[in-house]
Amino acid sequence: MSNIGRLYDDKGKKKKLKGIKIAWIGDGNNVCNSMIYGAALSGVDMSIATPKGFEPDKNVIKQAKKSTSIELTTDPFIAVKNADVVVADTFSSIHNLDKKRLKKFLPKYQVNDKLMKSAKKDAIFLHCLPAKREQEVTSSIIDGPQSVVWDEAENRLHTQKALLAALIRA
């Protein structure tokens, strides 16, 4: 959930989380499920675009919908419409190396310039890394001015340092 703790745009920090819309594009995997829980806790709305059969956990969605708006779609352009934040994750993780998966995802679920233009003008891009360039995201997006992937990665560092400090004191 560290992904949504600090959100940046080209003018600095997003001022608040409540009311922000996050568009998740790709596999409804463990990272997506964690982000859904985080969205529910912080008042963030989510729109999730996945291919059929790759949706997030139904129980996670059911619980989150008690607190926030969660929209499921198979169309990434619907998901990113008016989004403040666009998020992607790898299409084939360490837990699933099936190369056939990519055919279900590419090119429709790739975050590229055309897709980002459907989001808000000041939308930012997040990815928990490592990213597979030209698969789930193009280099022009991950290296572009809307990308805050390195700030996101830094958040994980601070979380890990806090955990180590707590363990050392225990």
Protein backbone atom coordinates (compact mmCIF):
# COMPACT_ATOMS: atom_id res chain seq x y z
CA MET A 1 0.00 0.00 0.00
CA SER A 2 3.02 2.30 0.02
CA ASN A 3 2.17 3.08 -3.61
CA ILE A 4 -0.54 5.54 -2.62
CA GLY A 5 1.01 7.09 0.47
CA ARG A 6 2.57 10.00 -1.40
CA LEU A 7 1.30 10.98 -4.82
CA TYR A 8 3.07 13.58 -6.94
CA ASP A 9 2.22 15.53 -10.02
CA ASP A 10 4.34 18.03 -11.96
CA LYS A 11 3.45 20.76 -9.44
CA GLY A 12 4.44 18.76 -6.35
CA LYS A 13 2.38 16.59 -4.03
CA LYS A 14 -1.26 15.83 -4.64
CA LYS A 15 -2.93 17.66 -1.80
CA LYS A 16 -5.23 14.89 -0.65
CA LEU A 17 -6.03 11.29 -1.37
CA LYS A 18 -9.77 11.38 -0.78
CA GLY A 19 -11.57 11.90 -4.08
CA ILE A 20 -8.59 11.03 -6.28
CA LYS A 21 -9.26 8.49 -9.02
CA ILE A 22 -6.70 5.75 -9.64
CA ALA A 23 -6.86 3.74 -12.85
CA TRP A 24 -5.27 0.28 -12.60
CA ILE A 25 -4.35 -1.19 -15.99
CA GLY A 26 -3.36 -4.85 -16.43
CA ASP A 27 -3.44 -7.92 -14.22
CA GLY A 28 -5.67 -7.87 -11.11
CA ASN A 29 -2.82 -9.36 -9.12
CA ASN A 30 -1.61 -9.08 -5.50
CA VAL A 31 -0.39 -5.50 -6.01
CA CYS A 32 -3.78 -4.52 -7.44
CA ASN A 33 -5.56 -6.16 -4.49
CA SER A 34 -3.34 -4.31 -2.00
CA MET A 35 -3.99 -1.03 -3.78
CA ILE A 36 -7.75 -1.67 -3.64
CA TYR A 37 -7.53 -2.11 0.14
CA GLY A 38 -5.47 1.08 0.37
CA ALA A 39 -7.99 2.95 -1.76
CA ALA A 40 -10.84 1.83 0.50
CA LEU A 41 -8.98 3.00 3.60
CA SER A 42 -8.10 6.40 2.15
CA GLY A 43 -11.22 7.32 0.18
CA VAL A 44 -9.59 6.90 -3.22
CA ASP A 45 -11.83 5.79 -6.11
CA MET A 46 -10.49 3.10 -8.42
CA SER A 47 -11.24 2.04 -11.94
CA ILE A 48 -9.64 -1.27 -12.88
CA ALA A 49 -9.15 -2.53 -16.44
CA THR A 50 -8.20 -6.18 -16.82
CA PRO A 51 -8.73 -8.82 -19.48
CA LYS A 52 -11.48 -11.32 -18.69
CA GLY A 53 -10.19 -13.92 -16.27
CA PHE A 54 -7.56 -11.61 -14.75
CA GLU A 55 -9.81 -9.57 -12.43
CA PRO A 56 -8.79 -8.78 -8.85
CA ASP A 57 -10.02 -10.94 -5.98
CA LYS A 58 -13.84 -10.77 -5.70
CA ASN A 59 -13.75 -10.66 -1.89
CA VAL A 60 -11.34 -7.72 -1.95
CA ILE A 61 -13.66 -5.85 -4.34
CA LYS A 62 -16.71 -6.65 -2.19
CA GLN A 63 -15.04 -5.34 0.96
CA ALA A 64 -13.65 -2.21 -0.72
CA LYS A 65 -16.99 -1.26 -2.26
CA LYS A 66 -18.33 -0.71 1.27
CA SER A 67 -16.00 2.32 1.57
CA THR A 68 -15.23 3.60 -1.90
CA SER A 69 -16.10 3.42 -5.58
CA ILE A 70 -14.52 0.51 -7.45
CA GLU A 71 -15.25 0.15 -11.17
CA LEU A 72 -14.29 -2.96 -13.14
CA THR A 73 -13.94 -2.91 -16.91
CA THR A 74 -12.10 -4.65 -19.72
CA ASP A 75 -11.49 -1.32 -21.50
CA PRO A 76 -8.40 0.63 -20.37
CA PHE A 77 -9.71 3.83 -21.98
CA ILE A 78 -12.83 3.69 -19.81
CA ALA A 79 -10.67 3.08 -16.72
CA VAL A 80 -8.32 6.02 -17.32
CA LYS A 81 -11.00 8.55 -18.23
CA ASN A 82 -10.61 11.44 -15.75
CA ALA A 83 -8.00 9.52 -13.73
CA ASP A 84 -5.58 11.42 -11.52
CA VAL A 85 -3.24 8.45 -11.35
CA VAL A 86 -2.56 5.63 -13.83
CA VAL A 87 -0.94 2.49 -12.42
CA ALA A 88 0.45 -0.61 -14.11
CA ASP A 89 2.34 -3.68 -13.00
CA THR A 90 4.16 -6.41 -14.87
CA PHE A 91 1.99 -8.74 -16.95
CA SER A 92 4.04 -11.82 -16.13
CA SER A 93 5.30 -11.89 -12.58
CA ILE A 94 7.64 -14.24 -10.80
CA HIS A 95 4.56 -16.28 -9.89
CA ASN A 96 3.35 -16.64 -13.47
CA LEU A 97 5.83 -16.86 -16.32
CA ASP A 98 3.36 -18.07 -18.97
CA LYS A 99 4.36 -16.24 -22.18
CA LYS A 100 0.87 -16.73 -23.65
CA ARG A 101 -0.42 -14.22 -21.08
CA LEU A 102 1.25 -11.41 -22.99
CA LYS A 103 -1.00 -12.04 -26.00
CA LYS A 104 -4.05 -11.39 -23.79
CA PHE A 105 -2.57 -8.12 -22.53
CA LEU A 106 -0.60 -6.63 -25.41
CA PRO A 107 -1.13 -4.16 -26.95
CA LYS A 108 -4.54 -3.30 -25.47
CA TYR A 109 -3.38 -2.98 -21.84
CA GLN A 110 -0.09 -1.21 -22.47
CA VAL A 111 0.19 2.22 -20.84
CA ASN A 112 1.35 4.42 -23.70
CA ASP A 113 1.00 8.03 -24.84
CA LYS A 114 -2.43 7.47 -26.36
CA LEU A 115 -3.82 5.90 -23.17
CA MET A 116 -2.29 8.55 -20.87
CA LYS A 117 -3.89 11.29 -22.96
CA SER A 118 -7.28 9.89 -21.90
CA ALA A 119 -6.45 10.57 -18.24
CA LYS A 120 -6.51 14.03 -16.68
CA LYS A 121 -3.96 16.42 -18.12
CA ASP A 122 -2.00 16.45 -14.83
CA ALA A 123 -2.29 12.69 -14.23
CA ILE A 124 0.74 10.86 -12.92
CA PHE A 125 2.03 7.37 -13.69
CA LEU A 126 2.96 4.78 -11.05
CA HIS A 127 4.56 1.35 -11.38
CA CYS A 128 5.90 -0.69 -8.46
CA LEU A 129 8.91 -1.82 -10.52
CA PRO A 130 10.65 -3.59 -12.04
CA ALA A 131 8.94 -2.63 -15.26
CA LYS A 132 9.18 -4.47 -18.54
CA ARG A 133 9.54 -1.63 -21.00
CA GLU A 134 7.49 -1.82 -24.14
CA GLN A 135 5.29 -4.46 -22.51
CA GLU A 136 3.09 -2.98 -19.78
CA VAL A 137 4.46 0.53 -20.27
CA THR A 138 6.31 2.37 -23.01
CA SER A 139 9.61 4.12 -22.34
CA SER A 140 8.02 7.45 -23.24
CA ILE A 141 5.67 7.10 -20.26
CA ILE A 142 7.94 5.56 -17.61
CA ASP A 143 10.72 8.05 -18.45
CA GLY A 144 8.35 10.93 -19.16
CA PRO A 145 7.31 13.95 -17.09
CA GLN A 146 4.18 12.24 -15.71
CA SER A 147 6.13 9.33 -14.24
CA VAL A 148 6.77 9.26 -10.48
CA VAL A 149 8.00 5.68 -10.29
CA TRP A 150 11.24 6.67 -8.51
CA ASP A 151 9.31 8.58 -5.82
CA GLU A 152 7.16 5.50 -5.41
CA ALA A 153 10.24 3.28 -5.08
CA GLU A 154 11.65 5.68 -2.48
CA ASN A 155 8.47 5.26 -0.41
CA ARG A 156 9.20 1.55 -0.14
CA LEU A 157 12.69 2.32 1.13
CA HIS A 158 11.30 4.42 3.98
CA THR A 159 8.78 1.71 4.86
CA GLN A 160 11.52 -0.89 4.97
CA LYS A 161 13.72 1.34 7.16
CA ALA A 162 10.84 1.86 9.60
CA LEU A 163 10.27 -1.89 9.78
CA LEU A 164 13.96 -2.53 10.47
CA ALA A 165 13.99 0.15 13.17
CA ALA A 166 10.94 -1.42 14.83
CA LEU A 167 12.51 -4.89 14.70
CA ILE A 168 15.80 -3.69 16.14
CA ARG A 169 14.00 -2.06 19.10
CA ALA A 170 11.91 -5.17 19.73
